Amino acid sequence: MCKTNGRKNDIFSRLGGEEFCILLPSCDIDAAVLRAEACRVAIENTITEESGNNFSITASLGVTDVKRSGFDLEKLLADADFATYDSKHSGRNRVTVYEPETPEISESLEGSWRVAS
């Protein structure tokens, strides 16, 4: 569902088990949240009856950006994972934005990137 709804330059990967990642190049946090919410809704609206069973599927998603997490891919993934677990612990089937404990990273990276037109 997420891959179908994505842009051609988005990078979709499976991290393992039931964990997936979508890297959204040239996407600010607001656009990323909208894309995550679109994926969440698409997953939630998946029709499962064709499988012979009728069940619901939901997704708990975590979102971050370089302003919050920096440019290190491992840190970006860890922070998004942290936000995902926050989504799970807050009731599931939701999108949560990672918020750093200290705002220094966000402030130091302000203006260091922009969304491409």
PDB file of N, CA and C in Angstrom:
ATOM      1  N   MET A   1       0.812  -1.193   0.000  1.00  0.00           N
ATOM      2  CA  MET A   1       0.000   0.000   0.000  1.00  0.00           C
ATOM      3  C   MET A   1       0.857   1.259   0.000  1.00  0.00           C
ATOM      4  N   CYS A   2       1.869   1.298   0.828  1.00  0.00           N
ATOM      5  CA  CYS A   2       2.693   2.498   0.921  1.00  0.00           C
ATOM      6  C   CYS A   2       3.497   2.708  -0.350  1.00  0.00           C
ATOM      7  N   LYS A   3       4.003   1.629  -0.898  1.00  0.00           N
ATOM      8  CA  LYS A   3       4.788   1.733  -2.127  1.00  0.00           C
ATOM      9  C   LYS A   3       3.920   2.224  -3.274  1.00  0.00           C
ATOM     10  N   THR A   4       2.696   1.755  -3.337  1.00  0.00           N
ATOM     11  CA  THR A   4       1.757   2.171  -4.375  1.00  0.00           C
ATOM     12  C   THR A   4       1.442   3.650  -4.276  1.00  0.00           C
ATOM     13  N   ASN A   5       1.329   4.178  -3.070  1.00  0.00           N
ATOM     14  CA  ASN A   5       0.989   5.582  -2.851  1.00  0.00           C
ATOM     15  C   ASN A   5       2.194   6.517  -2.864  1.00  0.00           C
ATOM     16  N   GLY A   6       3.396   5.964  -2.991  1.00  0.00           N
ATOM     17  CA  GLY A   6       4.600   6.783  -2.902  1.00  0.00           C
ATOM     18  C   GLY A   6       4.976   7.471  -4.195  1.00  0.00           C
ATOM     19  N   ARG A   7       5.971   8.334  -4.080  1.00  0.00           N
ATOM     20  CA  ARG A   7       6.543   8.999  -5.246  1.00  0.00           C
ATOM     21  C   ARG A   7       7.636   8.105  -5.808  1.00  0.00           C
ATOM     22  N   LYS A   8       8.045   8.337  -7.044  1.00  0.00           N
ATOM     23  CA  LYS A   8       9.034   7.443  -7.648  1.00  0.00           C
ATOM     24  C   LYS A   8      10.418   7.570  -7.012  1.00  0.00           C
ATOM     25  N   ASN A   9      10.722   8.691  -6.341  1.00  0.00           N
ATOM     26  CA  ASN A   9      12.034   8.823  -5.707  1.00  0.00           C
ATOM     27  C   ASN A   9      12.028   8.424  -4.219  1.00  0.00           C
ATOM     28  N   ASP A  10      10.858   8.018  -3.682  1.00  0.00           N
ATOM     29  CA  ASP A  10      10.806   7.518  -2.305  1.00  0.00           C
ATOM     30  C   ASP A  10      11.489   6.157  -2.247  1.00  0.00           C
ATOM     31  N   ILE A  11      12.135   5.881  -1.137  1.00  0.00           N
ATOM     32  CA  ILE A  11      12.853   4.611  -0.974  1.00  0.00           C
ATOM     33  C   ILE A  11      12.119   3.790   0.074  1.00  0.00           C
ATOM     34  N   PHE A  12      11.540   2.689  -0.355  1.00  0.00           N
ATOM     35  CA  PHE A  12      10.747   1.822   0.509  1.00  0.00           C
ATOM     36  C   PHE A  12      11.551   0.561   0.781  1.00  0.00           C
ATOM     37  N   SER A  13      11.670   0.184   2.064  1.00  0.00           N
ATOM     38  CA  SER A  13      12.420  -1.034   2.385  1.00  0.00           C
ATOM     39  C   SER A  13      11.809  -1.744   3.590  1.00  0.00           C
ATOM     40  N   ARG A  14      12.064  -3.019   3.644  1.00  0.00           N
ATOM     41  CA  ARG A  14      11.648  -3.827   4.788  1.00  0.00           C
ATOM     42  C   ARG A  14      12.838  -3.962   5.711  1.00  0.00           C
ATOM     43  N   LEU A  15      12.641  -3.611   6.976  1.00  0.00           N
ATOM     44  CA  LEU A  15      13.728  -3.692   7.947  1.00  0.00           C
ATOM     45  C   LEU A  15      13.773  -5.061   8.612  1.00  0.00           C
ATOM     46  N   GLY A  16      12.656  -5.756   8.604  1.00  0.00           N
ATOM     47  CA  GLY A  16      12.571  -7.072   9.216  1.00  0.00           C
ATOM     48  C   GLY A  16      11.213  -7.268   9.850  1.00  0.00           C
ATOM     49  N   GLY A  17      10.760  -8.503   9.890  1.00  0.00           N
ATOM     50  CA  GLY A  17       9.478  -8.806  10.511  1.00  0.00           C
ATOM     51  C   GLY A  17       8.367  -7.942   9.959  1.00  0.00           C
ATOM     52  N   GLU A  18       7.766  -7.172  10.833  1.00  0.00           N
ATOM     53  CA  GLU A  18       6.674  -6.280  10.434  1.00  0.00           C
ATOM     54  C   GLU A  18       7.113  -4.827  10.426  1.00  0.00           C
ATOM     55  N   GLU A  19       8.405  -4.587  10.284  1.00  0.00           N
ATOM     56  CA  GLU A  19       8.922  -3.228  10.292  1.00  0.00           C
ATOM     57  C   GLU A  19       9.395  -2.827   8.898  1.00  0.00           C
ATOM     58  N   PHE A  20       8.932  -1.645   8.481  1.00  0.00           N
ATOM     59  CA  PHE A  20       9.269  -1.109   7.177  1.00  0.00           C
ATOM     60  C   PHE A  20       9.758   0.327   7.338  1.00  0.00           C
ATOM     61  N   CYS A  21      10.417   0.819   6.308  1.00  0.00           N
ATOM     62  CA  CYS A  21      10.941   2.178   6.331  1.00  0.00           C
ATOM     63  C   CYS A  21      10.681   2.814   4.971  1.00  0.00           C
ATOM     64  N   ILE A  22      10.304   4.077   4.992  1.00  0.00           N
ATOM     65  CA  ILE A  22      10.194   4.848   3.760  1.00  0.00           C
ATOM     66  C   ILE A  22      11.034   6.105   3.939  1.00  0.00           C
ATOM     67  N   LEU A  23      12.064   6.246   3.127  1.00  0.00           N
ATOM     68  CA  LEU A  23      12.868   7.463   3.116  1.00  0.00           C
ATOM     69  C   LEU A  23      12.244   8.394   2.097  1.00  0.00           C
ATOM     70  N   LEU A  24      12.012   9.619   2.502  1.00  0.00           N
ATOM     71  CA  LEU A  24      11.313  10.595   1.661  1.00  0.00           C
ATOM     72  C   LEU A  24      12.251  11.748   1.323  1.00  0.00           C
ATOM     73  N   PRO A  25      13.067  11.592   0.276  1.00  0.00           N
ATOM     74  CA  PRO A  25      13.977  12.680  -0.095  1.00  0.00           C
ATOM     75  C   PRO A  25      13.197  13.948  -0.451  1.00  0.00           C
ATOM     76  N   SER A  26      13.762  15.090  -0.115  1.00  0.00           N
ATOM     77  CA  SER A  26      13.161  16.397  -0.430  1.00  0.00           C
ATOM     78  C   SER A  26      11.749  16.527   0.122  1.00  0.00           C
ATOM     79  N   CYS A  27      11.579  16.136   1.371  1.00  0.00           N
ATOM     80  CA  CYS A  27      10.256  16.154   1.992  1.00  0.00           C
ATOM     81  C   CYS A  27      10.401  16.733   3.396  1.00  0.00           C
ATOM     82  N   ASP A  28       9.715  17.847   3.684  1.00  0.00           N
ATOM     83  CA  ASP A  28       9.800  18.398   5.023  1.00  0.00           C
ATOM     84  C   ASP A  28       8.883  17.607   5.968  1.00  0.00           C
ATOM     85  N   ILE A  29       8.924  17.922   7.247  1.00  0.00           N
ATOM     86  CA  ILE A  29       8.212  17.123   8.244  1.00  0.00           C
ATOM     87  C   ILE A  29       6.700  17.156   8.020  1.00  0.00           C
ATOM     88  N   ASP A  30       6.163  18.290   7.626  1.00  0.00           N
ATOM     89  CA  ASP A  30       4.720  18.371   7.400  1.00  0.00           C
ATOM     90  C   ASP A  30       4.290  17.476   6.243  1.00  0.00           C
ATOM     91  N   ALA A  31       5.046  17.514   5.153  1.00  0.00           N
ATOM     92  CA  ALA A  31       4.737  16.649   4.007  1.00  0.00           C
ATOM     93  C   ALA A  31       4.933  15.177   4.379  1.00  0.00           C
ATOM     94  N   ALA A  32       5.961  14.886   5.176  1.00  0.00           N
ATOM     95  CA  ALA A  32       6.211  13.499   5.598  1.00  0.00           C
ATOM     96  C   ALA A  32       5.060  12.975   6.452  1.00  0.00           C
ATOM     97  N   VAL A  33       4.541  13.807   7.335  1.00  0.00           N
ATOM     98  CA  VAL A  33       3.409  13.391   8.170  1.00  0.00           C
ATOM     99  C   VAL A  33       2.188  13.117   7.294  1.00  0.00           C
ATOM    100  N   LEU A  34       1.953  13.965   6.302  1.00  0.00           N
ATOM    101  CA  LEU A  34       0.825  13.731   5.391  1.00  0.00           C
ATOM    102  C   LEU A  34       0.992  12.431   4.618  1.00  0.00           C
ATOM    103  N   ARG A  35       2.210  12.144   4.170  1.00  0.00           N
ATOM    104  CA  ARG A  35       2.473  10.899   3.437  1.00  0.00           C
ATOM    105  C   ARG A  35       2.305   9.702   4.370  1.00  0.00           C
ATOM    106  N   ALA A  36       2.771   9.808   5.603  1.00  0.00           N
ATOM    107  CA  ALA A  36       2.623   8.725   6.576  1.00  0.00           C
ATOM    108  C   ALA A  36       1.148   8.479   6.878  1.00  0.00           C
ATOM    109  N   GLU A  37       0.395   9.549   7.043  1.00  0.00           N
ATOM    110  CA  GLU A  37      -1.038   9.411   7.318  1.00  0.00           C
ATOM    111  C   GLU A  37      -1.755   8.775   6.127  1.00  0.00           C
ATOM    112  N   ALA A  38      -1.365   9.127   4.911  1.00  0.00           N
ATOM    113  CA  ALA A  38      -1.958   8.505   3.725  1.00  0.00           C
ATOM    114  C   ALA A  38      -1.664   7.005   3.699  1.00  0.00           C
ATOM    115  N   CYS A  39      -0.446   6.620   4.074  1.00  0.00           N
ATOM    116  CA  CYS A  39      -0.104   5.192   4.153  1.00  0.00           C
ATOM    117  C   CYS A  39      -0.925   4.503   5.237  1.00  0.00           C
ATOM    118  N   ARG A  40      -1.048   5.155   6.383  1.00  0.00           N
ATOM    119  CA  ARG A  40      -1.818   4.567   7.484  1.00  0.00           C
ATOM    120  C   ARG A  40      -3.256   4.313   7.070  1.00  0.00           C
ATOM    121  N   VAL A  41      -3.869   5.279   6.414  1.00  0.00           N
ATOM    122  CA  VAL A  41      -5.257   5.144   5.972  1.00  0.00           C
ATOM    123  C   VAL A  41      -5.375   4.052   4.905  1.00  0.00           C
ATOM    124  N   ALA A  42      -4.431   4.018   3.955  1.00  0.00           N
ATOM    125  CA  ALA A  42      -4.469   2.985   2.914  1.00  0.00           C
ATOM    126  C   ALA A  42      -4.364   1.593   3.520  1.00  0.00           C
ATOM    127  N   ILE A  43      -3.494   1.426   4.502  1.00  0.00           N
ATOM    128  CA  ILE A  43      -3.348   0.127   5.175  1.00  0.00           C
ATOM    129  C   ILE A  43      -4.624  -0.223   5.919  1.00  0.00           C
ATOM    130  N   GLU A  44      -5.175   0.743   6.629  1.00  0.00           N
ATOM    131  CA  GLU A  44      -6.397   0.520   7.398  1.00  0.00           C
ATOM    132  C   GLU A  44      -7.575   0.150   6.490  1.00  0.00           C
ATOM    133  N   ASN A  45      -7.595   0.671   5.270  1.00  0.00           N
ATOM    134  CA  ASN A  45      -8.690   0.408   4.340  1.00  0.00           C
ATOM    135  C   ASN A  45      -8.469  -0.819   3.462  1.00  0.00           C
ATOM    136  N   THR A  46      -7.423  -1.575   3.739  1.00  0.00           N
ATOM    137  CA  THR A  46      -7.147  -2.783   2.967  1.00  0.00           C
ATOM    138  C   THR A  46      -8.286  -3.778   3.129  1.00  0.00           C
ATOM    139  N   ILE A  47      -8.777  -4.274   2.012  1.00  0.00           N
ATOM    140  CA  ILE A  47      -9.846  -5.277   2.024  1.00  0.00           C
ATOM    141  C   ILE A  47      -9.190  -6.655   2.079  1.00  0.00           C
ATOM    142  N   THR A  48      -9.510  -7.414   3.100  1.00  0.00           N
ATOM    143  CA  THR A  48      -8.854  -8.706   3.317  1.00  0.00           C
ATOM    144  C   THR A  48      -9.732  -9.906   2.980  1.00  0.00           C
ATOM    145  N   GLU A  49     -10.976  -9.678   2.597  1.00  0.00           N
ATOM    146  CA  GLU A  49     -11.913 -10.779   2.359  1.00  0.00           C
ATOM    147  C   GLU A  49     -11.447 -11.723   1.264  1.00  0.00           C
ATOM    148  N   GLU A  50     -10.706 -11.217   0.265  1.00  0.00           N
ATOM    149  CA  GLU A  50     -10.224 -12.070  -0.817  1.00  0.00           C
ATOM    150  C   GLU A  50      -9.285 -13.154  -0.311  1.00  0.00           C
ATOM    151  N   SER A  51      -8.730 -12.987   0.867  1.00  0.00           N
ATOM    152  CA  SER A  51      -7.826 -13.995   1.440  1.00  0.00           C
ATOM    153  C   SER A  51      -8.605 -15.173   2.027  1.00  0.00           C
ATOM    154  N   GLY A  52      -9.936 -15.036   2.076  1.00  0.00           N
ATOM    155  CA  GLY A  52     -10.754 -16.069   2.703  1.00  0.00           C
ATOM    156  C   GLY A  52     -11.029 -15.773   4.159  1.00  0.00           C
ATOM    157  N   ASN A  53     -10.460 -14.706   4.658  1.00  0.00           N
ATOM    158  CA  ASN A  53     -10.657 -14.277   6.041  1.00  0.00           C
ATOM    159  C   ASN A  53     -11.002 -12.796   6.039  1.00  0.00           C
ATOM    160  N   ASN A  54     -11.720 -12.380   7.046  1.00  0.00           N
ATOM    161  CA  ASN A  54     -12.037 -10.964   7.167  1.00  0.00           C
ATOM    162  C   ASN A  54     -11.387 -10.453   8.451  1.00  0.00           C
ATOM    163  N   PHE A  55     -10.353  -9.646   8.300  1.00  0.00           N
ATOM    164  CA  PHE A  55      -9.638  -9.115   9.458  1.00  0.00           C
ATOM    165  C   PHE A  55      -9.193  -7.703   9.146  1.00  0.00           C
ATOM    166  N   SER A  56      -8.848  -6.966  10.162  1.00  0.00           N
ATOM    167  CA  SER A  56      -8.392  -5.596   9.949  1.00  0.00           C
ATOM    168  C   SER A  56      -6.876  -5.511  10.091  1.00  0.00           C
ATOM    169  N   ILE A  57      -6.324  -4.569   9.375  1.00  0.00           N
ATOM    170  CA  ILE A  57      -4.887  -4.301   9.421  1.00  0.00           C
ATOM    171  C   ILE A  57      -4.722  -2.835   9.794  1.00  0.00           C
ATOM    172  N   THR A  58      -3.845  -2.564  10.714  1.00  0.00           N
ATOM    173  CA  THR A  58      -3.546  -1.183  11.080  1.00  0.00           C
ATOM    174  C   THR A  58      -2.037  -0.989  11.084  1.00  0.00           C
ATOM    175  N   ALA A  59      -1.636   0.263  11.151  1.00  0.00           N
ATOM    176  CA  ALA A  59      -0.207   0.580  11.162  1.00  0.00           C
ATOM    177  C   ALA A  59       0.072   1.669  12.186  1.00  0.00           C
ATOM    178  N   SER A  60       1.153   1.497  12.897  1.00  0.00           N
ATOM    179  CA  SER A  60       1.670   2.513  13.808  1.00  0.00           C
ATOM    180  C   SER A  60       2.937   3.051  13.173  1.00  0.00           C
ATOM    181  N   LEU A  61       2.971   4.350  12.925  1.00  0.00           N
ATOM    182  CA  LEU A  61       4.085   4.935  12.197  1.00  0.00           C
ATOM    183  C   LEU A  61       4.787   5.999  13.010  1.00  0.00           C
ATOM    184  N   GLY A  62       6.103   6.104  12.800  1.00  0.00           N
ATOM    185  CA  GLY A  62       6.917   7.137  13.409  1.00  0.00           C
ATOM    186  C   GLY A  62       7.604   7.942  12.325  1.00  0.00           C
ATOM    187  N   VAL A  63       7.666   9.246  12.511  1.00  0.00           N
ATOM    188  CA  VAL A  63       8.235  10.145  11.501  1.00  0.00           C
ATOM    189  C   VAL A  63       9.269  11.045  12.163  1.00  0.00           C
ATOM    190  N   THR A  64      10.364  11.263  11.467  1.00  0.00           N
ATOM    191  CA  THR A  64      11.356  12.247  11.894  1.00  0.00           C
ATOM    192  C   THR A  64      11.939  12.908  10.660  1.00  0.00           C
ATOM    193  N   ASP A  65      12.787  13.875  10.862  1.00  0.00           N
ATOM    194  CA  ASP A  65      13.483  14.532   9.761  1.00  0.00           C
ATOM    195  C   ASP A  65      14.880  14.923  10.220  1.00  0.00           C
ATOM    196  N   VAL A  66      15.651  15.494   9.303  1.00  0.00           N
ATOM    197  CA  VAL A  66      17.031  15.841   9.648  1.00  0.00           C
ATOM    198  C   VAL A  66      17.108  16.992  10.648  1.00  0.00           C
ATOM    199  N   LYS A  67      16.090  17.823  10.721  1.00  0.00           N
ATOM    200  CA  LYS A  67      16.088  18.896  11.712  1.00  0.00           C
ATOM    201  C   LYS A  67      15.994  18.330  13.125  1.00  0.00           C
ATOM    202  N   ARG A  68      15.294  17.231  13.294  1.00  0.00           N
ATOM    203  CA  ARG A  68      15.116  16.615  14.607  1.00  0.00           C
ATOM    204  C   ARG A  68      16.222  15.608  14.934  1.00  0.00           C
ATOM    205  N   SER A  69      16.683  14.881  13.930  1.00  0.00           N
ATOM    206  CA  SER A  69      17.562  13.740  14.173  1.00  0.00           C
ATOM    207  C   SER A  69      18.955  13.859  13.584  1.00  0.00           C
ATOM    208  N   GLY A  70      19.202  14.865  12.781  1.00  0.00           N
ATOM    209  CA  GLY A  70      20.510  14.997  12.144  1.00  0.00           C
ATOM    210  C   GLY A  70      20.573  14.207  10.847  1.00  0.00           C
ATOM    211  N   PHE A  71      21.752  14.153  10.269  1.00  0.00           N
ATOM    212  CA  PHE A  71      21.926  13.545   8.954  1.00  0.00           C
ATOM    213  C   PHE A  71      22.421  12.107   8.999  1.00  0.00           C
ATOM    214  N   ASP A  72      22.635  11.547  10.168  1.00  0.00           N
ATOM    215  CA  ASP A  72      23.111  10.166  10.287  1.00  0.00           C
ATOM    216  C   ASP A  72      21.933   9.206  10.102  1.00  0.00           C
ATOM    217  N   LEU A  73      22.028   8.308   9.121  1.00  0.00           N
ATOM    218  CA  LEU A  73      20.927   7.401   8.802  1.00  0.00           C
ATOM    219  C   LEU A  73      20.543   6.530   9.993  1.00  0.00           C
ATOM    220  N   GLU A  74      21.513   6.024  10.725  1.00  0.00           N
ATOM    221  CA  GLU A  74      21.196   5.185  11.892  1.00  0.00           C
ATOM    222  C   GLU A  74      20.406   5.958  12.941  1.00  0.00           C
ATOM    223  N   LYS A  75      20.768   7.207  13.152  1.00  0.00           N
ATOM    224  CA  LYS A  75      20.045   8.053  14.113  1.00  0.00           C
ATOM    225  C   LYS A  75      18.631   8.357  13.609  1.00  0.00           C
ATOM    226  N   LEU A  76      18.491   8.653  12.328  1.00  0.00           N
ATOM    227  CA  LEU A  76      17.172   8.879  11.743  1.00  0.00           C
ATOM    228  C   LEU A  76      16.273   7.655  11.943  1.00  0.00           C
ATOM    229  N   LEU A  77      16.810   6.472  11.653  1.00  0.00           N
ATOM    230  CA  LEU A  77      16.032   5.238  11.813  1.00  0.00           C
ATOM    231  C   LEU A  77      15.692   4.976  13.275  1.00  0.00           C
ATOM    232  N   ALA A  78      16.644   5.201  14.164  1.00  0.00           N
ATOM    233  CA  ALA A  78      16.408   4.970  15.592  1.00  0.00           C
ATOM    234  C   ALA A  78      15.330   5.913  16.122  1.00  0.00           C
ATOM    235  N   ASP A  79      15.380   7.165  15.718  1.00  0.00           N
ATOM    236  CA  ASP A  79      14.394   8.133  16.196  1.00  0.00           C
ATOM    237  C   ASP A  79      13.004   7.850  15.612  1.00  0.00           C
ATOM    238  N   ALA A  80      12.949   7.468  14.350  1.00  0.00           N
ATOM    239  CA  ALA A  80      11.663   7.091  13.751  1.00  0.00           C
ATOM    240  C   ALA A  80      11.111   5.854  14.449  1.00  0.00           C
ATOM    241  N   ASP A  81      11.982   4.916  14.779  1.00  0.00           N
ATOM    242  CA  ASP A  81      11.570   3.704  15.499  1.00  0.00           C
ATOM    243  C   ASP A  81      11.034   4.063  16.887  1.00  0.00           C
ATOM    244  N   PHE A  82      11.699   4.988  17.554  1.00  0.00           N
ATOM    245  CA  PHE A  82      11.244   5.458  18.864  1.00  0.00           C
ATOM    246  C   PHE A  82       9.833   6.043  18.754  1.00  0.00           C
ATOM    247  N   ALA A  83       9.606   6.859  17.727  1.00  0.00           N
ATOM    248  CA  ALA A  83       8.282   7.453  17.511  1.00  0.00           C
ATOM    249  C   ALA A  83       7.252   6.381  17.164  1.00  0.00           C
ATOM    250  N   THR A  84       7.674   5.355  16.439  1.00  0.00           N
ATOM    251  CA  THR A  84       6.762   4.244  16.103  1.00  0.00           C
ATOM    252  C   THR A  84       6.299   3.549  17.373  1.00  0.00           C
ATOM    253  N   TYR A  85       7.227   3.279  18.272  1.00  0.00           N
ATOM    254  CA  TYR A  85       6.836   2.631  19.528  1.00  0.00           C
ATOM    255  C   TYR A  85       5.945   3.539  20.361  1.00  0.00           C
ATOM    256  N   ASP A  86       6.157   4.839  20.262  1.00  0.00           N
ATOM    257  CA  ASP A  86       5.262   5.778  20.935  1.00  0.00           C
ATOM    258  C   ASP A  86       3.857   5.660  20.343  1.00  0.00           C
ATOM    259  N   SER A  87       3.761   5.506  19.023  1.00  0.00           N
ATOM    260  CA  SER A  87       2.456   5.294  18.375  1.00  0.00           C
ATOM    261  C   SER A  87       1.789   4.024  18.901  1.00  0.00           C
ATOM    262  N   LYS A  88       2.580   2.962  19.012  1.00  0.00           N
ATOM    263  CA  LYS A  88       2.038   1.680  19.499  1.00  0.00           C
ATOM    264  C   LYS A  88       1.550   1.805  20.940  1.00  0.00           C
ATOM    265  N   HIS A  89       2.341   2.458  21.765  1.00  0.00           N
ATOM    266  CA  HIS A  89       1.988   2.572  23.190  1.00  0.00           C
ATOM    267  C   HIS A  89       0.889   3.589  23.451  1.00  0.00           C
ATOM    268  N   SER A  90       0.598   4.432  22.461  1.00  0.00           N
ATOM    269  CA  SER A  90      -0.449   5.448  22.608  1.00  0.00           C
ATOM    270  C   SER A  90      -1.782   5.013  21.998  1.00  0.00           C
ATOM    271  N   GLY A  91      -1.891   3.743  21.676  1.00  0.00           N
ATOM    272  CA  GLY A  91      -3.161   3.237  21.173  1.00  0.00           C
ATOM    273  C   GLY A  91      -3.123   2.612  19.795  1.00  0.00           C
ATOM    274  N   ARG A  92      -2.000   2.638  19.134  1.00  0.00           N
ATOM    275  CA  ARG A  92      -1.830   2.037  17.807  1.00  0.00           C
ATOM    276  C   ARG A  92      -2.612   2.768  16.725  1.00  0.00           C
ATOM    277  N   ASN A  93      -2.327   2.403  15.482  1.00  0.00           N
ATOM    278  CA  ASN A  93      -3.011   2.939  14.313  1.00  0.00           C
ATOM    279  C   ASN A  93      -2.964   4.463  14.284  1.00  0.00           C
ATOM    280  N   ARG A  94      -1.754   5.002  14.406  1.00  0.00           N
ATOM    281  CA  ARG A  94      -1.566   6.451  14.398  1.00  0.00           C
ATOM    282  C   ARG A  94      -0.166   6.796  13.912  1.00  0.00           C
ATOM    283  N   VAL A  95       0.023   8.060  13.626  1.00  0.00           N
ATOM    284  CA  VAL A  95       1.323   8.592  13.211  1.00  0.00           C
ATOM    285  C   VAL A  95       1.838   9.472  14.338  1.00  0.00           C
ATOM    286  N   THR A  96       3.088   9.266  14.732  1.00  0.00           N
ATOM    287  CA  THR A  96       3.716  10.078  15.779  1.00  0.00           C
ATOM    288  C   THR A  96       4.994  10.695  15.227  1.00  0.00           C
ATOM    289  N   VAL A  97       5.167  11.973  15.476  1.00  0.00           N
ATOM    290  CA  VAL A  97       6.384  12.679  15.077  1.00  0.00           C
ATOM    291  C   VAL A  97       7.377  12.617  16.227  1.00  0.00           C
ATOM    292  N   TYR A  98       8.610  12.248  15.917  1.00  0.00           N
ATOM    293  CA  TYR A  98       9.669  12.217  16.921  1.00  0.00           C
ATOM    294  C   TYR A  98       9.971  13.634  17.381  1.00  0.00           C
ATOM    295  N   GLU A  99      10.024  13.806  18.677  1.00  0.00           N
ATOM    296  CA  GLU A  99      10.410  15.092  19.262  1.00  0.00           C
ATOM    297  C   GLU A  99      11.639  14.857  20.132  1.00  0.00           C
ATOM    298  N   PRO A 100      12.770  15.481  19.777  1.00  0.00           N
ATOM    299  CA  PRO A 100      13.987  15.290  20.573  1.00  0.00           C
ATOM    300  C   PRO A 100      13.816  15.857  21.974  1.00  0.00           C
ATOM    301  N   GLU A 101      14.538  15.249  22.910  1.00  0.00           N
ATOM    302  CA  GLU A 101      14.476  15.716  24.296  1.00  0.00           C
ATOM    303  C   GLU A 101      15.055  17.116  24.438  1.00  0.00           C
ATOM    304  N   THR A 102      16.059  17.415  23.634  1.00  0.00           N
ATOM    305  CA  THR A 102      16.648  18.747  23.655  1.00  0.00           C
ATOM    306  C   THR A 102      16.540  19.344  22.260  1.00  0.00           C
ATOM    307  N   PRO A 103      16.201  20.602  22.155  1.00  0.00           N
ATOM    308  CA  PRO A 103      15.990  21.220  20.837  1.00  0.00           C
ATOM    309  C   PRO A 103      17.264  21.658  20.123  1.00  0.00           C
ATOM    310  N   GLU A 104      18.450  21.382  20.675  1.00  0.00           N
ATOM    311  CA  GLU A 104      19.676  21.880  20.073  1.00  0.00           C
ATOM    312  C   GLU A 104      19.866  21.400  18.642  1.00  0.00           C
ATOM    313  N   ILE A 105      19.556  20.135  18.379  1.00  0.00           N
ATOM    314  CA  ILE A 105      19.756  19.608  17.025  1.00  0.00           C
ATOM    315  C   ILE A 105      18.884  20.385  16.051  1.00  0.00           C
ATOM    316  N   SER A 106      17.635  20.525  16.387  1.00  0.00           N
ATOM    317  CA  SER A 106      16.706  21.234  15.514  1.00  0.00           C
ATOM    318  C   SER A 106      17.188  22.660  15.245  1.00  0.00           C
ATOM    319  N   GLU A 107      17.638  23.346  16.281  1.00  0.00           N
ATOM    320  CA  GLU A 107      18.096  24.720  16.122  1.00  0.00           C
ATOM    321  C   GLU A 107      19.368  24.798  15.289  1.00  0.00           C
ATOM    322  N   SER A 108      20.296  23.855  15.489  1.00  0.00           N
ATOM    323  CA  SER A 108      21.562  23.898  14.763  1.00  0.00           C
ATOM    324  C   SER A 108      21.388  23.545  13.295  1.00  0.00           C
ATOM    325  N   LEU A 109      20.328  22.842  12.939  1.00  0.00           N
ATOM    326  CA  LEU A 109      20.114  22.441  11.556  1.00  0.00           C
ATOM    327  C   LEU A 109      19.099  23.323  10.837  1.00  0.00           C
ATOM    328  N   GLU A 110      18.547  24.295  11.521  1.00  0.00           N
ATOM    329  CA  GLU A 110      17.565  25.190  10.915  1.00  0.00           C
ATOM    330  C   GLU A 110      18.151  25.849   9.681  1.00  0.00           C
ATOM    331  N   GLY A 111      17.462  25.752   8.567  1.00  0.00           N
ATOM    332  CA  GLY A 111      17.918  26.368   7.326  1.00  0.00           C
ATOM    333  C   GLY A 111      18.990  25.589   6.597  1.00  0.00           C
ATOM    334  N   SER A 112      19.345  24.388   7.069  1.00  0.00           N
ATOM    335  CA  SER A 112      20.414  23.624   6.440  1.00  0.00           C
ATOM    336  C   SER A 112      19.940  22.788   5.264  1.00  0.00           C
ATOM    337  N   TRP A 113      18.636  22.776   5.025  1.00  0.00           N
ATOM    338  CA  TRP A 113      18.108  22.039   3.877  1.00  0.00           C
ATOM    339  C   TRP A 113      16.793  22.682   3.479  1.00  0.00           C
ATOM    340  N   ARG A 114      16.347  22.325   2.291  1.00  0.00           N
ATOM    341  CA  ARG A 114      15.072  22.850   1.814  1.00  0.00           C
ATOM    342  C   ARG A 114      14.389  21.794   0.947  1.00  0.00           C
ATOM    343  N   VAL A 115      13.104  21.934   0.761  1.00  0.00           N
ATOM    344  CA  VAL A 115      12.351  21.040  -0.105  1.00  0.00           C
ATOM    345  C   VAL A 115      12.582  21.466  -1.536  1.00  0.00           C
ATOM    346  N   ALA A 116      12.961  20.531  -2.394  1.00  0.00           N
ATOM    347  CA  ALA A 116      13.198  20.836  -3.794  1.00  0.00           C
ATOM    348  C   ALA A 116      11.886  21.101  -4.512  1.00  0.00           C
ATOM    349  N   SER A 117      11.913  22.029  -5.418  1.00  0.00           N
ATOM    350  CA  SER A 117      10.698  22.371  -6.177  1.00  0.00           C
ATOM    351  C   SER A 117      10.518  21.454  -7.352  1.00  0.00           C
TER     352      SER A 117
END
